[in-house]
Amino acid sequence: MEKTFFRLVLFLIFSLFCGVIYGQNKTITGKVTDENGIPLKGASIFVRGTPAIGTTSGDLGKFELNLPSGSKTLVFSFVGKLSKEINIENRNTVDVTLQD
């Protein structure tokens, strides 16, 4: 009985700890277009300094990215366009226009 209670308490503590860690992440969404407003499918979006954390834009240029806590800057790039860095500290949505 004591072992079961102890395991239950450990499970609850672990679950709470995971919830706190997960709660520190945030999701950012947006759209990537060219200078004519045309959506860019396949644009790369990643956290500066951590290219492994990123995504690509979809058919309509839209993207969604789950960010680890402490993420401050996103890098946007597309073949034939100038890359752009955007500060995202206090933002949940970012729409970006990439220039030739």
PDB file of N, CA and C in Angstrom:
ATOM      1  N   MET A   1       0.822  -1.196   0.000  1.00  0.00           N
ATOM      2  CA  MET A   1       0.000   0.000   0.000  1.00  0.00           C
ATOM      3  C   MET A   1       0.863   1.255   0.000  1.00  0.00           C
ATOM      4  N   GLU A   2       1.943   1.255   0.803  1.00  0.00           N
ATOM      5  CA  GLU A   2       2.825   2.418   0.861  1.00  0.00           C
ATOM      6  C   GLU A   2       3.528   2.643  -0.470  1.00  0.00           C
ATOM      7  N   LYS A   3       3.932   1.546  -1.132  1.00  0.00           N
ATOM      8  CA  LYS A   3       4.606   1.680  -2.420  1.00  0.00           C
ATOM      9  C   LYS A   3       3.662   2.291  -3.459  1.00  0.00           C
ATOM     10  N   THR A   4       2.418   1.877  -3.442  1.00  0.00           N
ATOM     11  CA  THR A   4       1.439   2.413  -4.385  1.00  0.00           C
ATOM     12  C   THR A   4       1.227   3.899  -4.139  1.00  0.00           C
ATOM     13  N   PHE A   5       1.089   4.285  -2.895  1.00  0.00           N
ATOM     14  CA  PHE A   5       0.917   5.691  -2.545  1.00  0.00           C
ATOM     15  C   PHE A   5       2.136   6.496  -2.964  1.00  0.00           C
ATOM     16  N   PHE A   6       3.322   5.982  -2.687  1.00  0.00           N
ATOM     17  CA  PHE A   6       4.567   6.651  -3.043  1.00  0.00           C
ATOM     18  C   PHE A   6       4.666   6.831  -4.565  1.00  0.00           C
ATOM     19  N   ARG A   7       4.314   5.806  -5.322  1.00  0.00           N
ATOM     20  CA  ARG A   7       4.347   5.892  -6.784  1.00  0.00           C
ATOM     21  C   ARG A   7       3.335   6.919  -7.293  1.00  0.00           C
ATOM     22  N   LEU A   8       2.171   6.952  -6.687  1.00  0.00           N
ATOM     23  CA  LEU A   8       1.155   7.920  -7.075  1.00  0.00           C
ATOM     24  C   LEU A   8       1.645   9.346  -6.828  1.00  0.00           C
ATOM     25  N   VAL A   9       2.250   9.578  -5.685  1.00  0.00           N
ATOM     26  CA  VAL A   9       2.771  10.907  -5.357  1.00  0.00           C
ATOM     27  C   VAL A   9       3.866  11.294  -6.345  1.00  0.00           C
ATOM     28  N   LEU A  10       4.788  10.381  -6.651  1.00  0.00           N
ATOM     29  CA  LEU A  10       5.838  10.662  -7.626  1.00  0.00           C
ATOM     30  C   LEU A  10       5.258  10.966  -9.006  1.00  0.00           C
ATOM     31  N   PHE A  11       4.264  10.197  -9.401  1.00  0.00           N
ATOM     32  CA  PHE A  11       3.615  10.435 -10.695  1.00  0.00           C
ATOM     33  C   PHE A  11       2.987  11.829 -10.747  1.00  0.00           C
ATOM     34  N   LEU A  12       2.298  12.230  -9.692  1.00  0.00           N
ATOM     35  CA  LEU A  12       1.669  13.546  -9.661  1.00  0.00           C
ATOM     36  C   LEU A  12       2.703  14.669  -9.687  1.00  0.00           C
ATOM     37  N   ILE A  13       3.789  14.508  -8.958  1.00  0.00           N
ATOM     38  CA  ILE A  13       4.860  15.515  -8.959  1.00  0.00           C
ATOM     39  C   ILE A  13       5.473  15.610 -10.350  1.00  0.00           C
ATOM     40  N   PHE A  14       5.756  14.466 -10.967  1.00  0.00           N
ATOM     41  CA  PHE A  14       6.321  14.449 -12.310  1.00  0.00           C
ATOM     42  C   PHE A  14       5.376  15.104 -13.307  1.00  0.00           C
ATOM     43  N   SER A  15       4.088  14.808 -13.215  1.00  0.00           N
ATOM     44  CA  SER A  15       3.105  15.397 -14.124  1.00  0.00           C
ATOM     45  C   SER A  15       3.048  16.913 -13.968  1.00  0.00           C
ATOM     46  N   LEU A  16       3.090  17.392 -12.750  1.00  0.00           N
ATOM     47  CA  LEU A  16       3.085  18.825 -12.491  1.00  0.00           C
ATOM     48  C   LEU A  16       4.329  19.470 -13.057  1.00  0.00           C
ATOM     49  N   PHE A  17       5.482  18.844 -12.868  1.00  0.00           N
ATOM     50  CA  PHE A  17       6.754  19.357 -13.368  1.00  0.00           C
ATOM     51  C   PHE A  17       6.717  19.457 -14.890  1.00  0.00           C
ATOM     52  N   CYS A  18       6.208  18.438 -15.560  1.00  0.00           N
ATOM     53  CA  CYS A  18       6.110  18.452 -17.026  1.00  0.00           C
ATOM     54  C   CYS A  18       5.175  19.562 -17.490  1.00  0.00           C
ATOM     55  N   GLY A  19       4.103  19.781 -16.777  1.00  0.00           N
ATOM     56  CA  GLY A  19       3.174  20.844 -17.130  1.00  0.00           C
ATOM     57  C   GLY A  19       3.809  22.214 -17.026  1.00  0.00           C
ATOM     58  N   VAL A  20       4.640  22.415 -16.020  1.00  0.00           N
ATOM     59  CA  VAL A  20       5.329  23.696 -15.851  1.00  0.00           C
ATOM     60  C   VAL A  20       6.309  23.909 -16.993  1.00  0.00           C
ATOM     61  N   ILE A  21       7.070  22.893 -17.342  1.00  0.00           N
ATOM     62  CA  ILE A  21       8.028  23.015 -18.440  1.00  0.00           C
ATOM     63  C   ILE A  21       7.296  23.268 -19.748  1.00  0.00           C
ATOM     64  N   TYR A  22       6.243  22.516 -20.018  1.00  0.00           N
ATOM     65  CA  TYR A  22       5.493  22.686 -21.257  1.00  0.00           C
ATOM     66  C   TYR A  22       4.873  24.079 -21.320  1.00  0.00           C
ATOM     67  N   GLY A  23       4.440  24.597 -20.216  1.00  0.00           N
ATOM     68  CA  GLY A  23       3.800  25.898 -20.168  1.00  0.00           C
ATOM     69  C   GLY A  23       4.735  27.036 -20.515  1.00  0.00           C
ATOM     70  N   GLN A  24       6.045  26.806 -20.496  1.00  0.00           N
ATOM     71  CA  GLN A  24       6.992  27.855 -20.823  1.00  0.00           C
ATOM     72  C   GLN A  24       7.177  28.006 -22.327  1.00  0.00           C
ATOM     73  N   ASN A  25       6.773  27.027 -23.093  1.00  0.00           N
ATOM     74  CA  ASN A  25       6.863  27.123 -24.538  1.00  0.00           C
ATOM     75  C   ASN A  25       5.745  28.006 -25.054  1.00  0.00           C
ATOM     76  N   LYS A  26       5.943  28.561 -26.261  1.00  0.00           N
ATOM     77  CA  LYS A  26       4.860  29.317 -26.871  1.00  0.00           C
ATOM     78  C   LYS A  26       4.802  28.967 -28.349  1.00  0.00           C
ATOM     79  N   THR A  27       3.656  29.203 -28.922  1.00  0.00           N
ATOM     80  CA  THR A  27       3.448  28.944 -30.343  1.00  0.00           C
ATOM     81  C   THR A  27       3.334  30.272 -31.053  1.00  0.00           C
ATOM     82  N   ILE A  28       4.040  30.375 -32.165  1.00  0.00           N
ATOM     83  CA  ILE A  28       3.960  31.586 -32.977  1.00  0.00           C
ATOM     84  C   ILE A  28       3.463  31.193 -34.364  1.00  0.00           C
ATOM     85  N   THR A  29       2.604  32.020 -34.924  1.00  0.00           N
ATOM     86  CA  THR A  29       2.047  31.762 -36.246  1.00  0.00           C
ATOM     87  C   THR A  29       2.284  32.982 -37.126  1.00  0.00           C
ATOM     88  N   GLY A  30       2.090  32.803 -38.422  1.00  0.00           N
ATOM     89  CA  GLY A  30       2.242  33.934 -39.324  1.00  0.00           C
ATOM     90  C   GLY A  30       2.186  33.522 -40.769  1.00  0.00           C
ATOM     91  N   LYS A  31       2.588  34.458 -41.624  1.00  0.00           N
ATOM     92  CA  LYS A  31       2.535  34.250 -43.061  1.00  0.00           C
ATOM     93  C   LYS A  31       3.771  34.884 -43.696  1.00  0.00           C
ATOM     94  N   VAL A  32       4.315  34.201 -44.706  1.00  0.00           N
ATOM     95  CA  VAL A  32       5.480  34.700 -45.431  1.00  0.00           C
ATOM     96  C   VAL A  32       5.044  34.985 -46.865  1.00  0.00           C
ATOM     97  N   THR A  33       5.299  36.226 -47.314  1.00  0.00           N
ATOM     98  CA  THR A  33       4.941  36.630 -48.671  1.00  0.00           C
ATOM     99  C   THR A  33       6.126  37.308 -49.349  1.00  0.00           C
ATOM    100  N   ASP A  34       6.007  37.490 -50.688  1.00  0.00           N
ATOM    101  CA  ASP A  34       7.023  38.274 -51.388  1.00  0.00           C
ATOM    102  C   ASP A  34       6.570  39.728 -51.432  1.00  0.00           C
ATOM    103  N   GLU A  35       7.347  40.576 -52.094  1.00  0.00           N
ATOM    104  CA  GLU A  35       7.045  42.008 -52.106  1.00  0.00           C
ATOM    105  C   GLU A  35       5.753  42.341 -52.846  1.00  0.00           C
ATOM    106  N   ASN A  36       5.212  41.381 -53.621  1.00  0.00           N
ATOM    107  CA  ASN A  36       3.936  41.582 -54.317  1.00  0.00           C
ATOM    108  C   ASN A  36       2.755  40.996 -53.546  1.00  0.00           C
ATOM    109  N   GLY A  37       3.014  40.492 -52.349  1.00  0.00           N
ATOM    110  CA  GLY A  37       1.955  39.917 -51.535  1.00  0.00           C
ATOM    111  C   GLY A  37       1.641  38.465 -51.858  1.00  0.00           C
ATOM    112  N   ILE A  38       2.459  37.844 -52.714  1.00  0.00           N
ATOM    113  CA  ILE A  38       2.240  36.448 -53.087  1.00  0.00           C
ATOM    114  C   ILE A  38       2.807  35.535 -51.999  1.00  0.00           C
ATOM    115  N   PRO A  39       2.005  34.604 -51.490  1.00  0.00           N
ATOM    116  CA  PRO A  39       2.479  33.692 -50.442  1.00  0.00           C
ATOM    117  C   PRO A  39       3.671  32.857 -50.926  1.00  0.00           C
ATOM    118  N   LEU A  40       4.651  32.670 -50.047  1.00  0.00           N
ATOM    119  CA  LEU A  40       5.829  31.875 -50.368  1.00  0.00           C
ATOM    120  C   LEU A  40       5.724  30.502 -49.716  1.00  0.00           C
ATOM    121  N   LYS A  41       5.422  29.495 -50.531  1.00  0.00           N
ATOM    122  CA  LYS A  41       5.361  28.109 -50.043  1.00  0.00           C
ATOM    123  C   LYS A  41       6.787  27.569 -49.926  1.00  0.00           C
ATOM    124  N   GLY A  42       7.108  27.005 -48.763  1.00  0.00           N
ATOM    125  CA  GLY A  42       8.418  26.392 -48.565  1.00  0.00           C
ATOM    126  C   GLY A  42       9.471  27.325 -48.016  1.00  0.00           C
ATOM    127  N   ALA A  43       9.076  28.511 -47.534  1.00  0.00           N
ATOM    128  CA  ALA A  43      10.040  29.396 -46.885  1.00  0.00           C
ATOM    129  C   ALA A  43      10.499  28.739 -45.582  1.00  0.00           C
ATOM    130  N   SER A  44      11.766  28.921 -45.254  1.00  0.00           N
ATOM    131  CA  SER A  44      12.319  28.364 -44.009  1.00  0.00           C
ATOM    132  C   SER A  44      12.172  29.365 -42.885  1.00  0.00           C
ATOM    133  N   ILE A  45      11.729  28.870 -41.747  1.00  0.00           N
ATOM    134  CA  ILE A  45      11.586  29.690 -40.548  1.00  0.00           C
ATOM    135  C   ILE A  45      12.251  28.919 -39.416  1.00  0.00           C
ATOM    136  N   PHE A  46      13.250  29.529 -38.749  1.00  0.00           N
ATOM    137  CA  PHE A  46      13.889  28.843 -37.628  1.00  0.00           C
ATOM    138  C   PHE A  46      14.343  29.835 -36.572  1.00  0.00           C
ATOM    139  N   VAL A  47      14.560  29.317 -35.374  1.00  0.00           N
ATOM    140  CA  VAL A  47      15.033  30.127 -34.254  1.00  0.00           C
ATOM    141  C   VAL A  47      16.511  30.418 -34.477  1.00  0.00           C
ATOM    142  N   ARG A  48      16.900  31.693 -34.423  1.00  0.00           N
ATOM    143  CA  ARG A  48      18.298  32.065 -34.633  1.00  0.00           C
ATOM    144  C   ARG A  48      19.187  31.354 -33.615  1.00  0.00           C
ATOM    145  N   GLY A  49      20.234  30.749 -34.123  1.00  0.00           N
ATOM    146  CA  GLY A  49      21.180  30.032 -33.272  1.00  0.00           C
ATOM    147  C   GLY A  49      20.836  28.568 -33.078  1.00  0.00           C
ATOM    148  N   THR A  50      19.636  28.170 -33.467  1.00  0.00           N
ATOM    149  CA  THR A  50      19.213  26.773 -33.336  1.00  0.00           C
ATOM    150  C   THR A  50      18.444  26.345 -34.584  1.00  0.00           C
ATOM    151  N   PRO A  51      19.154  26.132 -35.703  1.00  0.00           N
ATOM    152  CA  PRO A  51      18.467  25.769 -36.950  1.00  0.00           C
ATOM    153  C   PRO A  51      17.656  24.475 -36.866  1.00  0.00           C
ATOM    154  N   ALA A  52      17.917  23.657 -35.841  1.00  0.00           N
ATOM    155  CA  ALA A  52      17.145  22.414 -35.693  1.00  0.00           C
ATOM    156  C   ALA A  52      15.716  22.696 -35.244  1.00  0.00           C
ATOM    157  N   ILE A  53      15.462  23.891 -34.711  1.00  0.00           N
ATOM    158  CA  ILE A  53      14.117  24.256 -34.276  1.00  0.00           C
ATOM    159  C   ILE A  53      13.542  25.180 -35.345  1.00  0.00           C
ATOM    160  N   GLY A  54      12.718  24.612 -36.208  1.00  0.00           N
ATOM    161  CA  GLY A  54      12.173  25.413 -37.285  1.00  0.00           C
ATOM    162  C   GLY A  54      11.062  24.695 -38.015  1.00  0.00           C
ATOM    163  N   THR A  55      10.620  25.338 -39.095  1.00  0.00           N
ATOM    164  CA  THR A  55       9.543  24.801 -39.912  1.00  0.00           C
ATOM    165  C   THR A  55       9.625  25.422 -41.292  1.00  0.00           C
ATOM    166  N   THR A  56       8.698  25.072 -42.160  1.00  0.00           N
ATOM    167  CA  THR A  56       8.573  25.718 -43.466  1.00  0.00           C
ATOM    168  C   THR A  56       7.135  26.190 -43.630  1.00  0.00           C
ATOM    169  N   SER A  57       6.974  27.196 -44.465  1.00  0.00           N
ATOM    170  CA  SER A  57       5.633  27.715 -44.712  1.00  0.00           C
ATOM    171  C   SER A  57       4.869  26.787 -45.646  1.00  0.00           C
ATOM    172  N   GLY A  58       3.560  26.772 -45.490  1.00  0.00           N
ATOM    173  CA  GLY A  58       2.692  25.902 -46.283  1.00  0.00           C
ATOM    174  C   GLY A  58       2.236  26.551 -47.578  1.00  0.00           C
ATOM    175  N   ASP A  59       1.234  25.957 -48.195  1.00  0.00           N
ATOM    176  CA  ASP A  59       0.727  26.404 -49.500  1.00  0.00           C
ATOM    177  C   ASP A  59       0.366  27.889 -49.541  1.00  0.00           C
ATOM    178  N   LEU A  60      -0.202  28.400 -48.488  1.00  0.00           N
ATOM    179  CA  LEU A  60      -0.630  29.798 -48.460  1.00  0.00           C
ATOM    180  C   LEU A  60       0.394  30.700 -47.771  1.00  0.00           C
ATOM    181  N   GLY A  61       1.622  30.186 -47.612  1.00  0.00           N
ATOM    182  CA  GLY A  61       2.673  30.957 -46.959  1.00  0.00           C
ATOM    183  C   GLY A  61       2.553  30.972 -45.445  1.00  0.00           C
ATOM    184  N   LYS A  62       1.587  30.244 -44.905  1.00  0.00           N
ATOM    185  CA  LYS A  62       1.356  30.257 -43.456  1.00  0.00           C
ATOM    186  C   LYS A  62       2.250  29.249 -42.746  1.00  0.00           C
ATOM    187  N   PHE A  63       2.578  29.571 -41.492  1.00  0.00           N
ATOM    188  CA  PHE A  63       3.398  28.679 -40.680  1.00  0.00           C
ATOM    189  C   PHE A  63       2.938  28.723 -39.232  1.00  0.00           C
ATOM    190  N   GLU A  64       3.313  27.693 -38.494  1.00  0.00           N
ATOM    191  CA  GLU A  64       3.106  27.606 -37.050  1.00  0.00           C
ATOM    192  C   GLU A  64       4.344  26.940 -36.472  1.00  0.00           C
ATOM    193  N   LEU A  65       4.881  27.524 -35.407  1.00  0.00           N
ATOM    194  CA  LEU A  65       6.116  27.007 -34.824  1.00  0.00           C
ATOM    195  C   LEU A  65       6.033  27.066 -33.308  1.00  0.00           C
ATOM    196  N   ASN A  66       6.323  25.921 -32.667  1.00  0.00           N
ATOM    197  CA  ASN A  66       6.390  25.870 -31.209  1.00  0.00           C
ATOM    198  C   ASN A  66       7.806  26.234 -30.797  1.00  0.00           C
ATOM    199  N   LEU A  67       7.912  27.258 -29.964  1.00  0.00           N
ATOM    200  CA  LEU A  67       9.211  27.792 -29.570  1.00  0.00           C
ATOM    201  C   LEU A  67       9.558  27.418 -28.141  1.00  0.00           C
ATOM    202  N   PRO A  68      10.815  27.078 -27.891  1.00  0.00           N
ATOM    203  CA  PRO A  68      11.240  26.856 -26.509  1.00  0.00           C
ATOM    204  C   PRO A  68      11.338  28.202 -25.785  1.00  0.00           C
ATOM    205  N   SER A  69      11.265  28.172 -24.477  1.00  0.00           N
ATOM    206  CA  SER A  69      11.368  29.415 -23.716  1.00  0.00           C
ATOM    207  C   SER A  69      12.715  30.062 -23.998  1.00  0.00           C
ATOM    208  N   GLY A  70      12.736  31.368 -24.000  1.00  0.00           N
ATOM    209  CA  GLY A  70      13.962  32.103 -24.254  1.00  0.00           C
ATOM    210  C   GLY A  70      14.208  32.426 -25.716  1.00  0.00           C
ATOM    211  N   SER A  71      13.357  31.934 -26.614  1.00  0.00           N
ATOM    212  CA  SER A  71      13.519  32.245 -28.032  1.00  0.00           C
ATOM    213  C   SER A  71      13.236  33.719 -28.257  1.00  0.00           C
ATOM    214  N   LYS A  72      14.139  34.392 -28.963  1.00  0.00           N
ATOM    215  CA  LYS A  72      13.984  35.833 -29.149  1.00  0.00           C
ATOM    216  C   LYS A  72      13.887  36.258 -30.604  1.00  0.00           C
ATOM    217  N   THR A  73      14.513  35.493 -31.501  1.00  0.00           N
ATOM    218  CA  THR A  73      14.580  35.924 -32.894  1.00  0.00           C
ATOM    219  C   THR A  73      14.309  34.769 -33.838  1.00  0.00           C
ATOM    220  N   LEU A  74      13.476  35.023 -34.854  1.00  0.00           N
ATOM    221  CA  LEU A  74      13.249  34.054 -35.916  1.00  0.00           C
ATOM    222  C   LEU A  74      13.960  34.534 -37.172  1.00  0.00           C
ATOM    223  N   VAL A  75      14.478  33.569 -37.932  1.00  0.00           N
ATOM    224  CA  VAL A  75      15.117  33.855 -39.213  1.00  0.00           C
ATOM    225  C   VAL A  75      14.228  33.289 -40.311  1.00  0.00           C
ATOM    226  N   PHE A  76      13.909  34.123 -41.296  1.00  0.00           N
ATOM    227  CA  PHE A  76      13.076  33.744 -42.424  1.00  0.00           C
ATOM    228  C   PHE A  76      13.937  33.769 -43.677  1.00  0.00           C
ATOM    229  N   SER A  77      13.847  32.714 -44.492  1.00  0.00           N
ATOM    230  CA  SER A  77      14.621  32.684 -45.734  1.00  0.00           C
ATOM    231  C   SER A  77      13.864  31.922 -46.810  1.00  0.00           C
ATOM    232  N   PHE A  78      14.212  32.258 -48.064  1.00  0.00           N
ATOM    233  CA  PHE A  78      13.608  31.611 -49.225  1.00  0.00           C
ATOM    234  C   PHE A  78      14.590  31.784 -50.378  1.00  0.00           C
ATOM    235  N   VAL A  79      14.689  30.777 -51.229  1.00  0.00           N
ATOM    236  CA  VAL A  79      15.630  30.826 -52.351  1.00  0.00           C
ATOM    237  C   VAL A  79      15.345  32.056 -53.215  1.00  0.00           C
ATOM    238  N   GLY A  80      16.387  32.849 -53.486  1.00  0.00           N
ATOM    239  CA  GLY A  80      16.256  34.035 -54.327  1.00  0.00           C
ATOM    240  C   GLY A  80      15.788  35.273 -53.588  1.00  0.00           C
ATOM    241  N   LYS A  81      15.576  35.165 -52.274  1.00  0.00           N
ATOM    242  CA  LYS A  81      15.119  36.303 -51.470  1.00  0.00           C
ATOM    243  C   LYS A  81      16.145  36.607 -50.379  1.00  0.00           C
ATOM    244  N   LEU A  82      16.149  37.845 -49.918  1.00  0.00           N
ATOM    245  CA  LEU A  82      17.006  38.214 -48.797  1.00  0.00           C
ATOM    246  C   LEU A  82      16.422  37.648 -47.509  1.00  0.00           C
ATOM    247  N   SER A  83      17.265  37.069 -46.679  1.00  0.00           N
ATOM    248  CA  SER A  83      16.811  36.570 -45.374  1.00  0.00           C
ATOM    249  C   SER A  83      16.445  37.740 -44.483  1.00  0.00           C
ATOM    250  N   LYS A  84      15.572  37.472 -43.525  1.00  0.00           N
ATOM    251  CA  LYS A  84      15.141  38.517 -42.602  1.00  0.00           C
ATOM    252  C   LYS A  84      15.068  37.941 -41.199  1.00  0.00           C
ATOM    253  N   GLU A  85      15.545  38.710 -40.218  1.00  0.00           N
ATOM    254  CA  GLU A  85      15.454  38.331 -38.806  1.00  0.00           C
ATOM    255  C   GLU A  85      14.428  39.221 -38.132  1.00  0.00           C
ATOM    256  N   ILE A  86      13.552  38.590 -37.346  1.00  0.00           N
ATOM    257  CA  ILE A  86      12.477  39.316 -36.663  1.00  0.00           C
ATOM    258  C   ILE A  86      12.518  38.993 -35.177  1.00  0.00           C
ATOM    259  N   ASN A  87      12.480  40.037 -34.336  1.00  0.00           N
ATOM    260  CA  ASN A  87      12.395  39.872 -32.889  1.00  0.00           C
ATOM    261  C   ASN A  87      10.975  39.458 -32.538  1.00  0.00           C
ATOM    262  N   ILE A  88      10.833  38.363 -31.793  1.00  0.00           N
ATOM    263  CA  ILE A  88       9.491  37.822 -31.497  1.00  0.00           C
ATOM    264  C   ILE A  88       9.208  37.734 -29.998  1.00  0.00           C
ATOM    265  N   GLU A  89       9.984  38.432 -29.182  1.00  0.00           N
ATOM    266  CA  GLU A  89       9.843  38.294 -27.720  1.00  0.00           C
ATOM    267  C   GLU A  89       8.423  38.518 -27.211  1.00  0.00           C
ATOM    268  N   ASN A  90       7.732  39.517 -27.682  1.00  0.00           N
ATOM    269  CA  ASN A  90       6.387  39.823 -27.171  1.00  0.00           C
ATOM    270  C   ASN A  90       5.316  39.634 -28.230  1.00  0.00           C
ATOM    271  N   ARG A  91       5.555  38.715 -29.156  1.00  0.00           N
ATOM    272  CA  ARG A  91       4.621  38.523 -30.264  1.00  0.00           C
ATOM    273  C   ARG A  91       4.161  37.080 -30.330  1.00  0.00           C
ATOM    274  N   ASN A  92       2.949  36.896 -30.822  1.00  0.00           N
ATOM    275  CA  ASN A  92       2.404  35.561 -31.076  1.00  0.00           C
ATOM    276  C   ASN A  92       2.154  35.347 -32.563  1.00  0.00           C
ATOM    277  N   THR A  93       2.150  36.451 -33.325  1.00  0.00           N
ATOM    278  CA  THR A  93       1.921  36.393 -34.762  1.00  0.00           C
ATOM    279  C   THR A  93       2.981  37.229 -35.463  1.00  0.00           C
ATOM    280  N   VAL A  94       3.518  36.693 -36.561  1.00  0.00           N
ATOM    281  CA  VAL A  94       4.510  37.431 -37.347  1.00  0.00           C
ATOM    282  C   VAL A  94       4.206  37.215 -38.827  1.00  0.00           C
ATOM    283  N   ASP A  95       3.923  38.306 -39.523  1.00  0.00           N
ATOM    284  CA  ASP A  95       3.772  38.259 -40.973  1.00  0.00           C
ATOM    285  C   ASP A  95       5.009  38.942 -41.564  1.00  0.00           C
ATOM    286  N   VAL A  96       5.650  38.260 -42.519  1.00  0.00           N
ATOM    287  CA  VAL A  96       6.933  38.723 -43.046  1.00  0.00           C
ATOM    288  C   VAL A  96       6.875  38.827 -44.558  1.00  0.00           C
ATOM    289  N   THR A  97       7.467  39.892 -45.071  1.00  0.00           N
ATOM    290  CA  THR A  97       7.625  40.077 -46.515  1.00  0.00           C
ATOM    291  C   THR A  97       9.112  39.960 -46.826  1.00  0.00           C
ATOM    292  N   LEU A  98       9.458  39.018 -47.714  1.00  0.00           N
ATOM    293  CA  LEU A  98      10.839  38.849 -48.121  1.00  0.00           C
ATOM    294  C   LEU A  98      11.062  39.514 -49.481  1.00  0.00           C
ATOM    295  N   GLN A  99      12.151  40.268 -49.566  1.00  0.00           N
ATOM    296  CA  GLN A  99      12.480  41.019 -50.765  1.00  0.00           C
ATOM    297  C   GLN A  99      13.435  40.245 -51.661  1.00  0.00           C
ATOM    298  N   ASP A 100      13.420  40.575 -52.967  1.00  0.00           N
ATOM    299  CA  ASP A 100      14.374  39.978 -53.920  1.00  0.00           C
ATOM    300  C   ASP A 100      15.795  40.379 -53.559  1.00  0.00           C
TER     301      ASP A 100
END
